[in-house]
Structures are given as structure tokens and as C-alpha cells.
Protein backbone atom coordinates (compact mmCIF):
# COMPACT_ATOMS: atom_id res chain seq x y z
CA MET A 1 7.73 18.86 5.58
CA THR A 2 9.65 15.38 4.59
CA TYR A 3 8.59 12.45 2.60
CA VAL A 4 9.50 9.00 2.57
CA LYS A 5 8.98 7.23 -0.58
CA PHE A 6 8.97 3.74 -1.05
CA THR A 7 8.46 1.26 -3.70
CA TYR A 8 5.95 -1.93 -2.91
CA ILE A 9 6.08 -5.06 -5.44
CA LEU A 10 3.26 -7.47 -3.95
CA GLN A 11 2.52 -10.99 -5.62
CA ILE A 12 -1.00 -11.79 -4.33
CA LYS A 13 -2.03 -15.57 -4.07
CA LYS A 14 -5.67 -16.92 -3.30
CA GLY A 15 -5.06 -20.34 -2.45
CA LYS A 16 -2.40 -21.92 -5.03
CA ARG A 17 -3.10 -19.17 -7.52
CA LEU A 18 -1.28 -16.06 -8.48
CA MET A 19 -3.84 -13.32 -8.82
CA GLY A 20 -0.93 -10.88 -9.86
CA LYS A 21 2.42 -9.03 -9.44
CA TYR A 22 2.19 -5.01 -8.64
CA VAL A 23 4.56 -2.37 -8.04
CA TYR A 24 3.48 0.38 -6.54
CA PRO A 25 5.12 3.87 -4.99
CA ALA A 26 4.07 4.59 -1.37
CA VAL A 27 4.67 8.00 0.32
CA PHE A 28 5.33 8.15 3.94
CA THR A 29 4.78 11.64 5.85
CA PRO A 30 6.34 12.19 9.42
CA GLU A 31 3.49 13.17 11.56
CA GLU A 32 3.62 14.26 15.30
CA ALA A 33 5.19 11.91 18.14
CA GLY A 34 7.28 9.92 15.52
CA LYS A 35 4.06 8.64 13.62
CA TYR A 36 3.74 8.29 9.80
CA SER A 37 0.82 8.54 7.38
CA VAL A 38 1.11 6.62 4.30
CA TYR A 39 -0.90 7.13 0.86
CA PHE A 40 -0.33 5.38 -2.43
CA PRO A 41 -0.70 8.32 -5.03
CA ASP A 42 -1.74 5.63 -7.96
CA ILE A 43 -4.82 3.67 -6.06
CA ASP A 44 -7.67 6.30 -4.95
CA GLY A 45 -8.55 5.59 -1.02
CA CYS A 46 -5.31 3.64 -0.23
CA TYR A 47 -3.99 5.37 3.16
CA THR A 48 -2.69 4.08 6.41
CA CYS A 49 -0.57 5.14 8.92
CA GLY A 50 2.10 3.66 11.56
CA ASP A 51 3.14 4.32 15.10
CA ASP A 52 6.85 4.74 13.62
CA LEU A 53 8.32 4.03 10.18
CA ALA A 54 8.86 0.23 10.76
CA ASP A 55 4.87 0.13 11.32
CA GLY A 56 4.15 2.29 9.06
CA MET A 57 5.76 0.09 6.32
CA GLU A 58 3.86 -3.14 7.54
CA MET A 59 0.63 -1.44 7.62
CA ALA A 60 1.54 0.29 4.00
CA GLU A 61 1.84 -3.43 2.72
CA ASP A 62 -1.40 -4.80 4.53
CA ALA A 63 -3.12 -1.62 3.23
CA LEU A 64 -2.13 -2.15 -0.70
CA THR A 65 -2.71 -5.95 -0.19
CA LEU A 66 -6.16 -5.52 0.76
CA MET A 67 -6.90 -2.79 -1.49
CA LEU A 68 -5.73 -4.62 -4.68
CA THR A 69 -7.85 -7.80 -3.34
CA HIS A 70 -11.08 -5.83 -3.16
CA LEU A 71 -10.52 -4.55 -6.39
CA GLU A 72 -9.53 -8.21 -8.33
CA ASP A 73 -12.43 -9.39 -5.93
CA GLU A 74 -15.01 -7.18 -7.45
CA GLN A 75 -13.52 -7.50 -11.19
CA ARG A 76 -12.71 -3.91 -11.06
CA GLU A 77 -9.58 -2.51 -12.95
CA ILE A 78 -6.44 -2.49 -11.33
CA PRO A 79 -4.93 0.94 -11.41
CA SER A 80 -1.23 1.26 -13.43
CA ALA A 81 1.66 2.36 -11.29
């Protein structure tokens, strides 16, 4: 099994207010037909997939942004990377 690991740096904004800057590793696992599954080991429940590596990277950024925004909206603790 081959893994591709990237680190994501996100700045989440709401309107003009910067919510925070976060850095998390993502693990990309090749699947059948060129697809990739993606998960963030430091964030429970943050998974996604893509039709190829480029799509997986885009989907990973979206998934991470949505998860961190949800945690902030719920005033829950943001996991450290």
C-alpha cells in the first residue's frame, strides 16, 4: 500500500475576521481506478476521497475547512496537529 502525505495550512475567515490558522497532515491512499481516499489523522471523522490526486487534494481542503469551521461554530476544541 502506498501513501502520499501532504500538510495543509488553512486560514479560516468569517467575513473579515480571521478565525485561525491551522496546519494538519493529510494521508492520501491510492484506490482502484486512480482514485484516492484521504484522511486527517489528527482530526477524528475528517475523511474524503477524490477521482484522482488533484481532485483528492481539493476535496481534502474542503473537508478540513468544513470540519474546522464546524468545530469553531460549536465552540469545541480544535485538535492540535
